[in-house]
Amino acid sequence: SSLNKLLHMDFKNFKIPFSVNPQYSKKVAYFSMEFAIEQVLKIYSGGLGFLAGSHMRSAYNLKQDLIGIGILWKFGYYDQARNHDQTLQPTWTKKMYSFLEDTGIKFQIEIHSAPVWVKVWYLDPEIFHTAPMFFLSTDVPENDHISKTICHKLYDANESTKLAQYILLGKGGAKLLDEMNIERDVYHLNEAHGLPAAFHLLKKYNGNLNKVKEKLVFTTHTPEEAGNEKHNMRLCYDMSYFSGFIMEEVKNIEGSDDDRFNHSLCALKMARIANGVSQLHGVVSRAMWSKYPGICEITSITNAQEFKYWADKPLYNAKDENDETVFDYRKKHLKKRLFKIVADQTGNLFNPNVFTIVWARRFAGYKRADLLLHDKDRFYKLLNHPKYPVQIIWAGKPYPMDYSAISTFNSLVEESKNHKNMAVLTGYELSLSKSLKQGSDLWLNNPRVPREASGTSGMTASMNGSVNLSTDDGWIPEFAKHGENSFVVPKADYANMSIYEQDNYDLNKLYEILENEILPTYYDKPDQWRKIQYNSMNDVKDQFNSDRMADEYYRIMYND
């Protein structure tokens, strides 16, 4: 119809649908595998998505000339269900979104030497108050079955599918910009997944790497080499990852002598500037990559979360008016709301007057979900303390193929059957995440230092009057004042400890801080506890609001 043609024309010469703040007029395309924007749009798995979602909201707040490019995951990440014995069962359901707009744009890209059709959906900025966003899909009738499945599951476990997803994001996203005649000064890769965009540009500029470097910036989130993905070079080549460049040319750019292609290393060679996602992570990244010649400068921009979306306004109002009664009442109300979810899922009735600890994030080995249980005696003492009662909740989604993380999840479920004050929840997505932050008194975070690049969940906990207890990793060194706005395990000489020694040291310190400082303060000195909550809420509000982060990306990375 002619109406469709009109809409279609719109996207062929796309303009940002609001007036751009001149401070942020550099034109940016932001590529990410996942975006956690709102509970209803299930195209994210965890921290990387939470970060990207907040970034898109802040780009809108500041009226930046930035567009987001992602993939429309047909089955999302996965839905976390339970088997009959309560253990974890991943399920996949097709998702429907009536609020996304069909751009009418369809084009082909080459994947595995064959043409694959890509269809493009648009998220209008006014729907969730984000930057304008475009989502790519291969789930169209023109494609064969295998090609359709490329956009089915976020982080598919199959290696070829995963590479095809990176090609869809990078090459597909770059081609989309060409299709829409939308010139961008900066291509920002959030992690190395979108790197095929760089090879698309390299081809467009006839192999001139310097022209690619003018445009490309790269954010790395992985603080250790093993975590940075490598895939067989031949397989990448066969999948058409490099837009026609031969393996020798790619090796000349990437420059490692491995027969596996190191995505992050290559991104550091093709970008003009890169950043780690906390000051500590910047230091760790520079140390880690400096042995490779020819990598770009690695600076750091500390991750943050969008204050408007996450913070509990009534809690902040009560704090600002210094109305202790209202503040305590509100926090208790938020706890009651969370405990309805706990009761619904587990049959346990939690008490809003009892100190509540939450550990919630992706289940991964280094995050040590079950660390407190490594000393069962001490754990039982904590759960059955006659004077200082506690309640403790776990939640999080392991990768569906990460069997050791799933086993940790399931062992916690088994243990929880013995205690009425311990619960393990499923469905850790934006909505539950918000409820857990609102309803917890203490946000427990105990990754092995220095494995956690940033760890943003503690920021949004602070925005809801939940106090952090953490090992000294990621963003924590920039925020924490022990006993004033949070509690921190003092760093040891981790580099010279075995993993066993490190875990033992952290475990003992966590228990000491809990038993000797946190619980007595909460129960015996409520005014002091409230002061810690206030300090935490004040200190997180500006410094760890993603408006600050989105501004820094322009000042430090884009406006070169």
Foldseek 3Di string as FASTA:
>chain_A
DVVLVVLLLCQLQDDFPDDADVLQAAAEEEFDAAAFQDPQQQADAFDLNQLRNQLQLLCLVNRHNYEYEYARAQFRAFFWDADPLRATDTHTDGHDDPQKAFSVDWDWDAFLNDTAIKGKIWHRCVPRNGGIYIHIARLDPVDDPVSRCLRHHRPDVDPSSQLVVLCCRAVVVLVSCVSSVPDHQAYEYEALSNVLVLLNVCVVVVNPLVSSQRHYEYEHFFLAQVPFDWAQLVSCVSRCSNVPDDSVSQCVQLVDPDRIGGRVSSSQQRYQEYEFAAQVSQVSVCVRNVVDPRGHHYYYFHGFGALVVQFDVQLVVCVVVVPVVSNLVQLLVLQCVLQVQQCVSPVFRDHSVAAEEEEEGAQDVQQCQPLLCVPVVLVVCQCPPPPHHYAYEYEHHYNPPPVVSSVVLRVQCVVCVVHSRYGYDYDPGPVSLSSCLQNHQEYETEGQPAGGRADHSQLSSLSNLHAYEYECYHHCVVFDDDLQQHHYLDDDPSVPDDPVVSSVSSNVSSSCCVVPPVRCCVPVPVVSSSRNSSSSNVRSNPSRRCSVSSSCCCVPPRVD
